[in-house]
Structures are given as C-alpha cells and as structure tokens.
C-alpha atoms as a PDB file:
ATOM      1  CA  UNK A   1      -9.357  33.169  50.890  1.00  0.00           C
ATOM      2  CA  UNK A   2     -10.714  29.617  50.760  1.00  0.00           C
ATOM      3  CA  UNK A   3      -9.699  29.312  47.090  1.00  0.00           C
ATOM      4  CA  UNK A   4      -6.166  30.225  48.056  1.00  0.00           C
ATOM      5  CA  UNK A   5      -6.108  27.624  50.825  1.00  0.00           C
ATOM      6  CA  UNK A   6      -7.569  24.982  48.497  1.00  0.00           C
ATOM      7  CA  UNK A   7      -5.005  25.781  45.823  1.00  0.00           C
ATOM      8  CA  UNK A   8      -2.210  25.630  48.393  1.00  0.00           C
ATOM      9  CA  UNK A   9      -3.402  22.241  49.659  1.00  0.00           C
ATOM     10  CA  UNK A  10      -3.641  20.831  46.133  1.00  0.00           C
ATOM     11  CA  UNK A  11      -0.170  22.159  45.354  1.00  0.00           C
ATOM     12  CA  UNK A  12       1.242  20.621  48.516  1.00  0.00           C
ATOM     13  CA  UNK A  13      -0.384  17.267  47.722  1.00  0.00           C
ATOM     14  CA  UNK A  14       1.096  17.292  44.219  1.00  0.00           C
ATOM     15  CA  UNK A  15       4.500  18.191  45.584  1.00  0.00           C
ATOM     16  CA  UNK A  16       4.387  15.365  48.108  1.00  0.00           C
ATOM     17  CA  UNK A  17       3.138  12.814  45.580  1.00  0.00           C
ATOM     18  CA  UNK A  18       5.770  13.957  43.094  1.00  0.00           C
ATOM     19  CA  UNK A  19       8.447  13.294  45.700  1.00  0.00           C
ATOM     20  CA  UNK A  20       7.173   9.766  46.309  1.00  0.00           C
ATOM     21  CA  UNK A  21       9.554   8.553  43.623  1.00  0.00           C
ATOM     22  CA  UNK A  22      12.490  10.772  44.627  1.00  0.00           C
ATOM     23  CA  UNK A  23      14.168   8.017  46.646  1.00  0.00           C
ATOM     24  CA  UNK A  24      13.919   5.509  43.790  1.00  0.00           C
ATOM     25  CA  UNK A  25      15.461   5.214  40.338  1.00  0.00           C
ATOM     26  CA  UNK A  26      13.015   3.696  37.868  1.00  0.00           C
ATOM     27  CA  UNK A  27      15.701   3.462  35.174  1.00  0.00           C
ATOM     28  CA  UNK A  28      17.916   1.393  37.479  1.00  0.00           C
ATOM     29  CA  UNK A  29      14.864  -0.695  38.362  1.00  0.00           C
ATOM     30  CA  UNK A  30      14.528  -1.929  34.764  1.00  0.00           C
ATOM     31  CA  UNK A  31      17.398  -4.376  35.174  1.00  0.00           C
ATOM     32  CA  UNK A  32      16.081  -5.609  38.521  1.00  0.00           C
ATOM     33  CA  UNK A  33      12.625  -6.048  36.993  1.00  0.00           C
ATOM     34  CA  UNK A  34      13.979  -8.040  34.050  1.00  0.00           C
ATOM     35  CA  UNK A  35      16.151 -10.262  36.256  1.00  0.00           C
ATOM     36  CA  UNK A  36      13.868 -10.809  39.249  1.00  0.00           C
ATOM     37  CA  UNK A  37      10.337  -9.460  38.802  1.00  0.00           C
ATOM     38  CA  UNK A  38       9.234 -10.132  35.229  1.00  0.00           C
ATOM     39  CA  UNK A  39       8.652 -13.821  35.879  1.00  0.00           C
ATOM     40  CA  UNK A  40       5.521 -12.976  37.866  1.00  0.00           C
ATOM     41  CA  UNK A  41       4.671  -9.404  36.869  1.00  0.00           C
ATOM     42  CA  UNK A  42       4.811  -9.933  33.101  1.00  0.00           C
ATOM     43  CA  UNK A  43       2.073 -12.557  33.094  1.00  0.00           C
ATOM     44  CA  UNK A  44       0.301 -12.038  36.418  1.00  0.00           C
ATOM     45  CA  UNK A  45       1.575 -15.209  38.083  1.00  0.00           C
ATOM     46  CA  UNK A  46       0.309 -15.756  41.651  1.00  0.00           C
ATOM     47  CA  UNK A  47      -1.957 -12.716  41.341  1.00  0.00           C
ATOM     48  CA  UNK A  48       0.883 -10.267  40.644  1.00  0.00           C
ATOM     49  CA  UNK A  49      -0.311  -7.080  38.972  1.00  0.00           C
ATOM     50  CA  UNK A  50       0.823  -7.115  35.347  1.00  0.00           C
ATOM     51  CA  UNK A  51       3.133  -4.314  34.309  1.00  0.00           C
ATOM     52  CA  UNK A  52       1.082  -2.025  32.099  1.00  0.00           C
ATOM     53  CA  UNK A  53      -2.242  -2.708  33.868  1.00  0.00           C
ATOM     54  CA  UNK A  54      -3.010   0.902  34.736  1.00  0.00           C
ATOM     55  CA  UNK A  55      -6.102   0.217  36.841  1.00  0.00           C
ATOM     56  CA  UNK A  56      -4.476  -2.470  38.981  1.00  0.00           C
ATOM     57  CA  UNK A  57      -1.348  -0.407  39.732  1.00  0.00           C
ATOM     58  CA  UNK A  58      -3.320   2.781  40.351  1.00  0.00           C
ATOM     59  CA  UNK A  59      -5.534   1.016  42.890  1.00  0.00           C
ATOM     60  CA  UNK A  60      -2.543  -0.378  44.753  1.00  0.00           C
ATOM     61  CA  UNK A  61      -0.716   2.952  44.692  1.00  0.00           C
ATOM     62  CA  UNK A  62      -3.803   4.759  45.954  1.00  0.00           C
ATOM     63  CA  UNK A  63      -4.302   2.241  48.766  1.00  0.00           C
ATOM     64  CA  UNK A  64      -0.760   2.284  50.183  1.00  0.00           C
ATOM     65  CA  UNK A  65       1.318   4.893  48.386  1.00  0.00           C
ATOM     66  CA  UNK A  66       4.841   4.324  47.175  1.00  0.00           C
ATOM     67  CA  UNK A  67       6.297   3.638  50.613  1.00  0.00           C
ATOM     68  CA  UNK A  68       3.617   1.055  51.363  1.00  0.00           C
ATOM     69  CA  UNK A  69       4.105  -0.717  48.054  1.00  0.00           C
ATOM     70  CA  UNK A  70       7.859  -0.860  48.532  1.00  0.00           C
ATOM     71  CA  UNK A  71       7.488  -2.061  52.142  1.00  0.00           C
ATOM     72  CA  UNK A  72       5.166  -4.879  51.058  1.00  0.00           C
ATOM     73  CA  UNK A  73       7.517  -5.812  48.237  1.00  0.00           C
ATOM     74  CA  UNK A  74      10.445  -6.004  50.642  1.00  0.00           C
ATOM     75  CA  UNK A  75       8.636  -7.921  53.387  1.00  0.00           C
ATOM     76  CA  UNK A  76       6.347  -9.977  51.170  1.00  0.00           C
ATOM     77  CA  UNK A  77       2.630 -10.362  51.723  1.00  0.00           C
ATOM     78  CA  UNK A  78      -0.434 -12.459  51.103  1.00  0.00           C
ATOM     79  CA  UNK A  79      -3.505 -10.705  49.752  1.00  0.00           C
ATOM     80  CA  UNK A  80      -6.967 -11.608  48.560  1.00  0.00           C
ATOM     81  CA  UNK A  81      -5.760 -12.039  44.960  1.00  0.00           C
ATOM     82  CA  UNK A  82      -2.454 -13.757  45.555  1.00  0.00           C
ATOM     83  CA  UNK A  83       0.870 -13.575  47.330  1.00  0.00           C
ATOM     84  CA  UNK A  84       4.404 -12.310  46.954  1.00  0.00           C
ATOM     85  CA  UNK A  85       7.432 -13.698  48.743  1.00  0.00           C
ATOM     86  CA  UNK A  86       9.799 -11.225  50.387  1.00  0.00           C
ATOM     87  CA  UNK A  87      11.810  -9.373  47.734  1.00  0.00           C
ATOM     88  CA  UNK A  88      10.033 -11.426  45.097  1.00  0.00           C
ATOM     89  CA  UNK A  89      11.952 -14.469  46.254  1.00  0.00           C
ATOM     90  CA  UNK A  90      15.359 -12.921  45.535  1.00  0.00           C
ATOM     91  CA  UNK A  91      16.720 -12.252  49.026  1.00  0.00           C
ATOM     92  CA  UNK A  92      19.982 -10.934  47.552  1.00  0.00           C
ATOM     93  CA  UNK A  93      18.226  -7.762  46.395  1.00  0.00           C
ATOM     94  CA  UNK A  94      18.793  -4.661  48.481  1.00  0.00           C
ATOM     95  CA  UNK A  95      15.829  -2.655  49.690  1.00  0.00           C
ATOM     96  CA  UNK A  96      16.894   0.098  47.274  1.00  0.00           C
ATOM     97  CA  UNK A  97      16.848  -2.319  44.336  1.00  0.00           C
ATOM     98  CA  UNK A  98      13.348  -3.468  45.283  1.00  0.00           C
ATOM     99  CA  UNK A  99      12.177   0.148  45.494  1.00  0.00           C
ATOM    100  CA  UNK A 100      13.764   0.917  42.135  1.00  0.00           C
ATOM    101  CA  UNK A 101      11.973  -2.065  40.575  1.00  0.00           C
ATOM    102  CA  UNK A 102       8.631  -0.965  42.045  1.00  0.00           C
ATOM    103  CA  UNK A 103       9.212   2.543  40.659  1.00  0.00           C
ATOM    104  CA  UNK A 104      10.000   1.032  37.265  1.00  0.00           C
ATOM    105  CA  UNK A 105       6.838  -1.088  37.213  1.00  0.00           C
ATOM    106  CA  UNK A 106       4.674   1.845  38.259  1.00  0.00           C
ATOM    107  CA  UNK A 107       6.277   4.085  35.626  1.00  0.00           C
ATOM    108  CA  UNK A 108       5.391   1.511  32.953  1.00  0.00           C
ATOM    109  CA  UNK A 109       1.817   1.251  34.255  1.00  0.00           C
ATOM    110  CA  UNK A 110       0.692   4.886  34.164  1.00  0.00           C
END
C-alpha cells in the first residue's frame, strides 16, 4: 500500500510541476527575451542568470517555482548576487509577456 501512495504522490508532483508552464508560452517569450531580456540575461549583467546556465536556473526554479520567478520578474527584486528592475526595466510589458519570457529562458536552460 505504501508503494502505491508513494507512486501516487510522485505522479501528482510531476503533474503539478508539468502544469507550472501551462499559463505561459515559451515560444511567444522568445521575442520578448530578444527585445527586453537578452541585454542582461545573455551576458549575466547585474547578476542576471545567463540563459543556458542549467545550475543557476535550476536553483532559482527550485527555490521559488515558476510562479515565484515570474512574480519576482514582474515586481523586480534585489538579491545577494544582483538586482532586477521591475519587468526588466520595460514597464510596457504585460505580466503575461514577462511570464512568457521567463518560460522561454527556463526552457533554454534545462
């Protein structure tokens, strides 16, 4: 019985984590990334995690999950390694566009 419960819990966790990206469109985020995010995330400016740095993105995703990463990207934050202005400094971006860009960067950093 405990194996069944463990398997069910693992399955539920995978289902939930798989849905973390359901609200975001990584393909649509490519254009947002190129126009607004690449300046910092391509080279690591101001402590931004570089797109493609699997360890850095995995640690951030593990710490806050998708919703937390998107929320921080929308609101901006200052961390131990650097800072990010709200919406990466492009206040014209919608929250959806920011989420799409985050999904894009994560997808390129797996």
